[in-house]
Amino acid sequence: MKIGVIGKPNVGKSTLFSALTQTDVPIADYPFTTVKPNVGIAYVRKRCPHAEFGIECNPRNAPCISGTRMLPVELIDVAGLVPGAHEGKGLGNKFLDDLRQADGFIIVIDASGKLDLEGNPAEGSDPLADVVFLKEEIYHWVAGIIKDGWVRAAKRLEIEKGSIEEELAKRVTGLGISASVVNKVINRFDLTKPEEWSDDDFMKLAEALWEESKPMIIAANKCDVASDENMDRIKSSGYPHMLVSAIAELTLKKAEKAGAIKGFEIITGDPRQRKGLEYIKERVIDRFGTTGVQECLEKLVFDMLDMIAVYPVENETKLCDKYGNTLPDAYLIRRGAIARDLAYLVHTDLGEKFIRAINCRTKRVVGADYPLEDGDIIKIIANK
């Protein structure tokens, strides 16, 4: 699973990325600090089943910390987007191409309203304008991909009695948009004469395809210095969002690693460090209860992408692999996935040679089309 971190320059994308992945990346107060996409691993949290069974786990791909399983998610922090990116302005072409990889997006905006649309210092800017222009740039880009050579293709479809849905699916498959999404979306529009589609038709189609397949959540960054008016507007906007302070999250993680804090208790003797940590406590933790960074990622993964955690094992009694590692692996998979999907996720051979599976909680044999549930522990049986 891949999540893109996007936004205009200088809003704190790389800071949020570093806070989630604990990876050092260039962070500075000028546009286009990020040129090549930064890639790292973040984690989302689920309760580990080991306590339920009264056993100790031996994780391999997803660490367990005090009974909480940390499931890996790949994060991609891409170059800042500016108005006109779909026409190549700024680092637009590179930015947009990096979008193809992700399953969902965190759109980082400047909740303080102190940056213009190109990421330069400005007072009184509208934070929600960031969301509007970012989405418009993406839709223009997707519409351009669909439109390229469309009239010629539409005439060929008319002669050959071809399928509009199949032609569209071919054009957007490289964006990670499935044929099933195309079929679902196309039925919303009265687009029976493809050779006559207008620019507005292409934009509406691009928006619907993207919104259906690529969930996006707003990370309203710099909430500690944002006005109440700005925060109220963001809260009432209707956009899925989370108020966050990426710099506070990154500072707290570094302080914890250095032994300057324990939990929420400040134990450093350095007066300057203490002052900074007291500011975070007063302006962020006491007001919002959290920096919002981890919650933002988990809201996207669990609520919007509707991912569940599943644990494949080889021994249904001991819940271990062939080496004796208990609950060794944990996978994120879309709700609605079936046992065979999990088999393919573990290894292609398991999917292709799937015979049956065992639900280790119920001890029941289940078939390839068994719908997986959150927390399932599954043994897959396949031909050797």
Protein backbone atom coordinates (compact mmCIF):
# COMPACT_ATOMS: atom_id res chain seq x y z
CA MET A 1 0.00 0.00 0.00
CA LYS A 2 1.32 3.42 -1.00
CA ILE A 3 0.20 6.82 0.28
CA GLY A 4 1.19 10.07 -1.42
CA VAL A 5 1.91 13.23 0.58
CA ILE A 6 1.08 16.18 -1.65
CA GLY A 7 0.58 19.94 -1.49
CA LYS A 8 1.97 23.24 -2.71
CA PRO A 9 5.58 24.13 -1.77
CA ASN A 10 6.49 25.10 1.79
CA VAL A 11 3.37 23.81 3.58
CA GLY A 12 5.24 21.17 5.60
CA LYS A 13 4.92 18.04 3.45
CA SER A 14 8.47 16.90 4.12
CA THR A 15 8.11 17.64 7.84
CA LEU A 16 4.98 15.50 8.02
CA PHE A 17 6.73 12.79 5.99
CA SER A 18 9.71 12.84 8.38
CA ALA A 19 7.44 12.75 11.43
CA LEU A 20 5.63 9.66 10.13
CA THR A 21 8.67 7.80 8.80
CA GLN A 22 11.39 9.17 11.13
CA THR A 23 13.48 9.63 8.00
CA ASP A 24 15.75 12.64 7.52
CA VAL A 25 14.78 14.60 4.40
CA PRO A 26 15.57 18.19 3.33
CA ILE A 27 13.29 20.64 5.17
CA ALA A 28 13.49 24.37 4.47
CA ASP A 29 11.37 27.52 4.15
CA TYR A 30 11.64 27.88 0.39
CA PRO A 31 9.78 26.33 -2.54
CA PHE A 32 10.81 23.02 -4.14
CA THR A 33 12.92 21.73 -1.25
CA THR A 34 11.77 18.31 -2.47
CA VAL A 35 12.76 17.61 -6.08
CA LYS A 36 12.98 13.84 -6.20
CA PRO A 37 10.25 12.02 -4.27
CA ASN A 38 11.22 10.87 -0.80
CA VAL A 39 10.08 7.33 -0.04
CA GLY A 40 9.83 5.86 3.46
CA ILE A 41 7.86 3.51 5.67
CA ALA A 42 5.24 4.72 8.12
CA TYR A 43 3.07 2.54 10.35
CA VAL A 44 -0.62 2.32 11.20
CA ARG A 45 -1.78 0.67 14.41
CA LYS A 46 -3.94 -2.34 15.17
CA ARG A 47 -4.34 -4.39 18.33
CA CYS A 48 -2.25 -7.55 17.98
CA PRO A 49 -4.21 -10.83 18.35
CA HIS A 50 -1.48 -12.43 20.50
CA ALA A 51 -2.98 -11.16 23.77
CA GLU A 52 -6.36 -12.60 22.82
CA PHE A 53 -4.81 -16.07 22.56
CA GLY A 54 -2.49 -15.67 25.54
CA ILE A 55 0.66 -16.19 23.48
CA GLU A 56 3.76 -14.20 22.54
CA CYS A 57 4.14 -13.10 18.92
CA ASN A 58 7.32 -13.10 16.83
CA PRO A 59 6.68 -10.40 14.20
CA ARG A 60 8.66 -10.18 10.99
CA ASN A 61 7.08 -7.53 8.74
CA ALA A 62 5.00 -5.63 11.31
CA PRO A 63 6.49 -4.89 14.77
CA CYS A 64 4.42 -5.36 17.92
CA ILE A 65 4.85 -2.72 20.62
CA SER A 66 3.07 -3.30 23.93
CA GLY A 67 0.30 -5.25 22.23
CA THR A 68 -0.08 -2.85 19.30
CA ARG A 69 0.79 -4.19 15.86
CA MET A 70 2.50 -1.62 13.64
CA LEU A 71 1.53 -2.31 10.03
CA PRO A 72 3.81 -0.83 7.36
CA VAL A 73 2.59 1.69 4.79
CA GLU A 74 4.84 3.12 2.07
CA LEU A 75 4.82 6.93 2.03
CA ILE A 76 5.81 9.03 -1.00
CA ASP A 77 6.60 12.72 -0.45
CA VAL A 78 6.59 14.37 -3.87
CA ALA A 79 7.62 17.78 -5.19
CA GLY A 80 5.34 20.72 -4.43
CA LEU A 81 2.51 21.46 -6.85
CA VAL A 82 1.80 24.99 -8.12
CA PRO A 83 -0.99 26.39 -10.32
CA GLY A 84 -0.38 25.40 -13.94
CA ALA A 85 1.41 22.18 -13.02
CA HIS A 86 -0.61 20.19 -15.57
CA GLU A 87 0.91 22.50 -18.21
CA GLY A 88 4.43 21.85 -16.90
CA LYS A 89 4.78 24.85 -14.57
CA GLY A 90 7.16 24.43 -11.64
CA LEU A 91 7.95 20.73 -11.25
CA GLY A 92 4.45 19.87 -12.40
CA ASN A 93 5.10 17.09 -14.87
CA LYS A 94 7.38 15.28 -12.44
CA PHE A 95 4.97 15.78 -9.57
CA LEU A 96 1.96 14.51 -11.47
CA ASP A 97 3.80 11.45 -12.74
CA ASP A 98 4.66 10.53 -9.14
CA LEU A 99 0.93 10.50 -8.30
CA ARG A 100 0.38 7.35 -10.37
CA GLN A 101 1.88 5.10 -7.70
CA ALA A 102 -0.30 5.97 -4.72
CA ASP A 103 -3.54 4.38 -3.48
CA GLY A 104 -4.60 7.45 -1.52
CA PHE A 105 -3.33 10.92 -0.63
CA ILE A 106 -2.69 13.24 2.27
CA ILE A 107 -3.11 16.81 0.99
CA VAL A 108 -1.08 19.07 3.27
CA ILE A 109 -2.34 22.65 3.46
CA ASP A 110 -1.18 25.69 5.41
CA ALA A 111 -3.96 26.24 7.96
CA SER A 112 -2.34 29.52 9.07
CA GLY A 113 -3.03 31.14 5.66
CA LYS A 114 0.45 32.66 5.45
CA LEU A 115 1.45 31.36 2.02
CA ASP A 116 0.24 32.19 -1.47
CA LEU A 117 -0.64 29.46 -3.98
CA GLU A 118 2.99 29.12 -5.06
CA GLY A 119 4.28 28.69 -1.51
CA ASN A 120 5.64 32.19 -1.02
CA PRO A 121 5.06 34.20 2.19
CA ALA A 122 1.73 36.05 2.15
CA GLU A 123 -0.79 37.15 4.75
CA GLY A 124 -4.50 36.38 4.75
CA SER A 125 -4.48 33.54 2.21
CA ASP A 126 -7.37 31.10 2.12
CA PRO A 127 -6.21 27.59 3.22
CA LEU A 128 -9.11 25.95 1.40
CA ALA A 129 -7.99 27.55 -1.87
CA ASP A 130 -5.06 25.10 -1.71
CA VAL A 131 -7.46 22.17 -1.88
CA VAL A 132 -9.41 23.62 -4.81
CA PHE A 133 -6.38 24.32 -6.98
CA LEU A 134 -4.64 21.03 -6.10
CA LYS A 135 -7.67 19.02 -7.12
CA GLU A 136 -8.17 21.09 -10.27
CA GLU A 137 -4.57 20.46 -11.34
CA ILE A 138 -4.98 16.72 -10.84
CA TYR A 139 -8.28 16.63 -12.73
CA HIS A 140 -6.80 18.63 -15.64
CA TRP A 141 -3.90 16.17 -15.79
CA VAL A 142 -6.18 13.11 -15.79
CA ALA A 143 -8.52 14.73 -18.34
CA GLY A 144 -5.51 15.39 -20.57
CA ILE A 145 -4.52 11.73 -20.46
CA ILE A 146 -8.05 10.68 -21.45
CA LYS A 147 -8.39 13.34 -24.16
CA ASP A 148 -5.13 12.55 -25.95
CA GLY A 149 -6.19 11.17 -29.35
CA TRP A 150 -9.73 10.62 -28.10
CA VAL A 151 -11.64 11.85 -31.17
CA ARG A 152 -9.75 9.43 -33.42
CA ALA A 153 -10.34 6.58 -30.95
CA ALA A 154 -14.04 7.48 -30.64
CA LYS A 155 -14.51 7.31 -34.41
CA ARG A 156 -12.83 3.90 -34.46
CA LEU A 157 -15.14 2.72 -31.65
CA GLU A 158 -18.15 3.83 -33.67
CA ILE A 159 -17.02 1.91 -36.75
CA GLU A 160 -16.02 -1.22 -34.84
CA LYS A 161 -18.91 -1.04 -32.35
CA GLY A 162 -16.29 -1.00 -29.61
CA SER A 163 -16.70 -0.37 -25.89
CA ILE A 164 -16.25 3.12 -24.44
CA GLU A 165 -15.57 1.55 -21.05
CA GLU A 166 -12.75 -0.62 -22.39
CA GLU A 167 -11.13 2.32 -24.19
CA LEU A 168 -11.31 4.46 -21.04
CA ALA A 169 -9.93 1.64 -18.89
CA LYS A 170 -6.91 1.30 -21.21
CA ARG A 171 -6.16 5.00 -20.82
CA VAL A 172 -6.39 5.20 -17.03
CA THR A 173 -5.00 1.83 -15.98
CA GLY A 174 -1.56 3.42 -15.69
CA LEU A 175 -3.02 5.76 -13.06
CA GLY A 176 -4.06 2.83 -10.90
CA ILE A 177 -7.74 3.23 -11.83
CA SER A 178 -9.39 -0.14 -12.37
CA ALA A 179 -11.85 -1.20 -15.06
CA SER A 180 -14.48 -1.77 -12.36
CA VAL A 181 -14.18 1.88 -11.29
CA VAL A 182 -14.49 2.99 -14.92
CA ASN A 183 -17.66 0.92 -15.35
CA LYS A 184 -19.09 2.29 -12.11
CA VAL A 185 -18.35 5.91 -12.97
CA ILE A 186 -19.34 5.97 -16.64
CA ASN A 187 -22.92 5.05 -15.76
CA ARG A 188 -23.32 8.33 -13.85
CA PHE A 189 -23.01 10.38 -17.03
CA ASP A 190 -24.99 10.67 -20.22
CA LEU A 191 -21.96 10.35 -22.50
CA THR A 192 -23.32 8.27 -25.33
CA LYS A 193 -21.56 10.16 -28.15
CA PRO A 194 -17.87 9.99 -27.21
CA GLU A 195 -16.70 11.86 -30.33
CA GLU A 196 -18.70 14.90 -29.12
CA TRP A 197 -17.48 15.05 -25.54
CA SER A 198 -16.64 18.59 -24.39
CA ASP A 199 -13.74 19.73 -22.19
CA ASP A 200 -16.26 19.98 -19.36
CA ASP A 201 -17.28 16.35 -19.94
CA PHE A 202 -13.66 15.22 -19.72
CA MET A 203 -13.11 17.20 -16.51
CA LYS A 204 -16.22 15.78 -14.84
CA LEU A 205 -15.19 12.28 -15.84
CA ALA A 206 -11.62 12.78 -14.60
CA GLU A 207 -12.88 14.10 -11.26
CA ALA A 208 -15.28 11.19 -10.77
CA LEU A 209 -12.67 8.57 -11.69
CA TRP A 210 -10.06 10.07 -9.37
CA GLU A 211 -12.38 10.63 -6.42
CA GLU A 212 -13.75 7.09 -6.70
CA SER A 213 -10.34 5.40 -6.78
CA LYS A 214 -7.95 7.72 -4.90
CA PRO A 215 -9.29 8.89 -1.49
CA MET A 216 -7.77 12.13 -0.23
CA ILE A 217 -7.66 13.57 3.28
CA ILE A 218 -6.70 17.13 4.21
CA ALA A 219 -3.88 17.57 6.74
CA ALA A 220 -4.52 21.12 7.97
CA ASN A 221 -0.94 21.79 9.07
CA LYS A 222 0.37 24.51 11.39
CA CYS A 223 -2.79 24.35 13.50
CA ASP A 224 -0.85 25.81 16.44
CA VAL A 225 -0.58 29.17 14.64
CA ALA A 226 -3.84 29.05 12.66
CA SER A 227 -6.65 31.45 13.51
CA ASP A 228 -9.90 30.15 14.98
CA GLU A 229 -11.65 31.49 11.88
CA ASN A 230 -9.45 29.42 9.56
CA MET A 231 -9.90 26.28 11.63
CA ASP A 232 -13.67 26.74 11.78
CA ARG A 233 -13.80 27.11 7.98
CA ILE A 234 -11.75 23.95 7.51
CA LYS A 235 -13.93 22.03 9.96
CA SER A 236 -17.12 23.09 8.18
CA SER A 237 -15.76 22.63 4.64
CA GLY A 238 -17.07 19.11 4.19
CA TYR A 239 -13.61 17.83 3.23
CA PRO A 240 -12.26 14.82 5.17
CA HIS A 241 -9.60 16.47 7.29
CA MET A 242 -7.44 16.45 10.40
CA LEU A 243 -5.93 19.43 12.20
CA VAL A 244 -2.21 18.68 12.51
CA SER A 245 1.11 20.10 13.61
CA ALA A 246 3.81 18.22 11.74
CA ILE A 247 6.68 20.14 13.34
CA ALA A 248 5.30 19.37 16.82
CA GLU A 249 5.09 15.64 16.02
CA LEU A 250 8.62 15.59 14.60
CA THR A 251 10.00 17.55 17.57
CA LEU A 252 8.31 15.25 20.10
CA LYS A 253 9.66 12.12 18.41
CA LYS A 254 13.19 13.52 18.34
CA ALA A 255 12.89 14.64 21.97
CA GLU A 256 11.66 11.20 23.03
CA LYS A 257 14.52 9.54 21.18
CA ALA A 258 16.99 11.87 22.91
CA GLY A 259 15.47 11.21 26.33
CA ALA A 260 14.19 14.79 26.74
CA ILE A 261 10.61 13.65 27.39
CA LYS A 262 8.91 10.57 28.76
CA GLY A 263 5.29 10.32 27.73
CA PHE A 264 4.09 13.90 28.11
CA GLU A 265 6.51 14.67 30.95
CA ILE A 266 9.33 17.07 30.06
CA ILE A 267 12.56 15.91 31.73
CA THR A 268 15.22 17.81 29.79
CA GLY A 269 17.48 20.21 31.65
CA ASP A 270 18.16 22.32 28.57
CA PRO A 271 16.19 25.59 29.05
CA ARG A 272 15.80 26.29 25.32
CA GLN A 273 14.59 22.77 24.63
CA ARG A 274 12.23 22.91 27.59
CA LYS A 275 10.76 26.19 26.33
CA GLY A 276 10.08 24.66 22.90
CA LEU A 277 8.49 21.55 24.41
CA GLU A 278 6.34 23.64 26.75
CA TYR A 279 5.11 25.59 23.73
CA ILE A 280 4.09 22.34 22.00
CA LYS A 281 2.33 21.14 25.15
CA GLU A 282 0.42 24.41 25.55
CA ARG A 283 -0.37 25.21 21.91
CA VAL A 284 -0.91 21.70 20.54
CA ILE A 285 -1.33 18.89 23.08
CA ASP A 286 -3.42 20.79 25.65
CA ARG A 287 -5.66 22.28 22.93
CA PHE A 288 -6.08 19.35 20.54
CA GLY A 289 -5.03 16.33 22.61
CA THR A 290 -2.69 15.19 19.84
CA THR A 291 -0.55 16.51 17.00
CA GLY A 292 -3.02 14.83 14.62
CA VAL A 293 -0.30 13.40 12.37
CA GLN A 294 -0.71 9.68 13.13
CA GLU A 295 -4.49 10.02 13.29
CA CYS A 296 -4.53 11.64 9.84
CA LEU A 297 -2.74 8.69 8.26
CA GLU A 298 -4.92 6.14 10.06
CA LYS A 299 -8.16 7.89 9.13
CA LEU A 300 -7.12 7.67 5.47
CA VAL A 301 -5.98 4.03 5.66
CA PHE A 302 -8.70 2.54 7.85
CA ASP A 303 -11.74 4.76 7.31
CA MET A 304 -11.39 6.05 3.76
CA LEU A 305 -9.43 3.25 2.06
CA ASP A 306 -11.25 0.75 4.31
CA MET A 307 -8.22 -1.44 4.95
CA ILE A 308 -8.26 -4.34 7.40
CA ALA A 309 -5.45 -6.35 9.03
CA VAL A 310 -5.12 -10.07 8.30
CA TYR A 311 -2.57 -12.56 9.66
CA PRO A 312 -1.51 -15.53 7.47
CA VAL A 313 -0.01 -18.54 9.30
CA GLU A 314 1.06 -22.08 8.35
CA ASN A 315 0.02 -23.87 11.53
CA GLU A 316 -3.61 -23.29 12.52
CA THR A 317 -3.10 -24.67 16.04
CA LYS A 318 0.07 -22.84 17.09
CA LEU A 319 -0.62 -19.84 14.83
CA CYS A 320 2.94 -19.90 13.54
CA ASP A 321 4.99 -20.27 10.37
CA LYS A 322 7.16 -23.28 9.54
CA TYR A 323 9.98 -21.84 11.63
CA GLY A 324 7.82 -21.57 14.75
CA ASN A 325 7.37 -17.78 14.59
CA THR A 326 3.99 -16.96 16.11
CA LEU A 327 1.80 -14.51 14.12
CA PRO A 328 4.86 -13.62 12.04
CA ASP A 329 3.24 -11.43 9.40
CA ALA A 330 0.42 -8.92 9.18
CA TYR A 331 -1.02 -7.58 5.94
CA LEU A 332 -3.25 -4.66 5.10
CA ILE A 333 -5.91 -5.60 2.56
CA ARG A 334 -9.13 -3.94 1.36
CA ARG A 335 -12.33 -4.85 3.14
CA GLY A 336 -14.26 -7.12 0.78
CA ALA A 337 -11.12 -9.03 -0.24
CA ILE A 338 -11.38 -12.81 -0.23
CA ALA A 339 -9.11 -15.64 0.90
CA ARG A 340 -7.59 -16.06 -2.56
CA ASP A 341 -6.66 -12.34 -2.59
CA LEU A 342 -4.67 -12.89 0.59
CA ALA A 343 -2.99 -15.91 -0.95
CA TYR A 344 -1.83 -13.83 -3.91
CA LEU A 345 -0.66 -11.08 -1.55
CA VAL A 346 1.55 -13.55 0.33
CA HIS A 347 2.91 -15.22 -2.83
CA THR A 348 1.75 -15.60 -6.43
CA ASP A 349 2.16 -19.39 -6.27
CA LEU A 350 -0.20 -19.59 -3.29
CA GLY A 351 -2.85 -17.71 -5.23
CA GLU A 352 -2.47 -19.75 -8.39
CA LYS A 353 -2.39 -23.10 -6.57
CA PHE A 354 -4.96 -22.24 -3.91
CA ILE A 355 -7.03 -25.23 -2.67
CA ARG A 356 -8.69 -23.98 0.51
CA ALA A 357 -8.05 -22.00 3.68
CA ILE A 358 -8.71 -22.41 7.38
CA ASN A 359 -10.10 -19.71 9.62
CA CYS A 360 -7.90 -20.24 12.68
CA ARG A 361 -10.41 -18.71 15.08
CA THR A 362 -13.35 -20.90 14.12
CA LYS A 363 -11.19 -23.83 12.88
CA ARG A 364 -13.51 -23.98 9.87
CA VAL A 365 -12.39 -24.75 6.34
CA VAL A 366 -13.28 -21.89 3.98
CA GLY A 367 -13.14 -21.53 0.21
CA ALA A 368 -11.37 -19.14 -2.13
CA ASP A 369 -14.28 -16.68 -2.00
CA TYR A 370 -14.40 -16.44 1.80
CA PRO A 371 -14.72 -12.69 2.65
CA LEU A 372 -11.90 -11.71 4.98
CA GLU A 373 -12.67 -9.87 8.22
CA ASP A 374 -10.52 -7.51 10.24
CA GLY A 375 -8.18 -9.48 12.49
CA ASP A 376 -8.63 -12.81 10.68
CA ILE A 377 -5.89 -15.39 11.16
CA ILE A 378 -5.82 -17.55 8.06
CA LYS A 379 -3.99 -20.71 7.02
CA ILE A 380 -3.74 -21.08 3.25
CA ILE A 381 -3.53 -24.58 1.74
CA ALA A 382 -2.19 -24.84 -1.81
CA ASN A 383 -0.87 -27.48 -4.16
CA LYS A 384 2.89 -27.99 -3.87
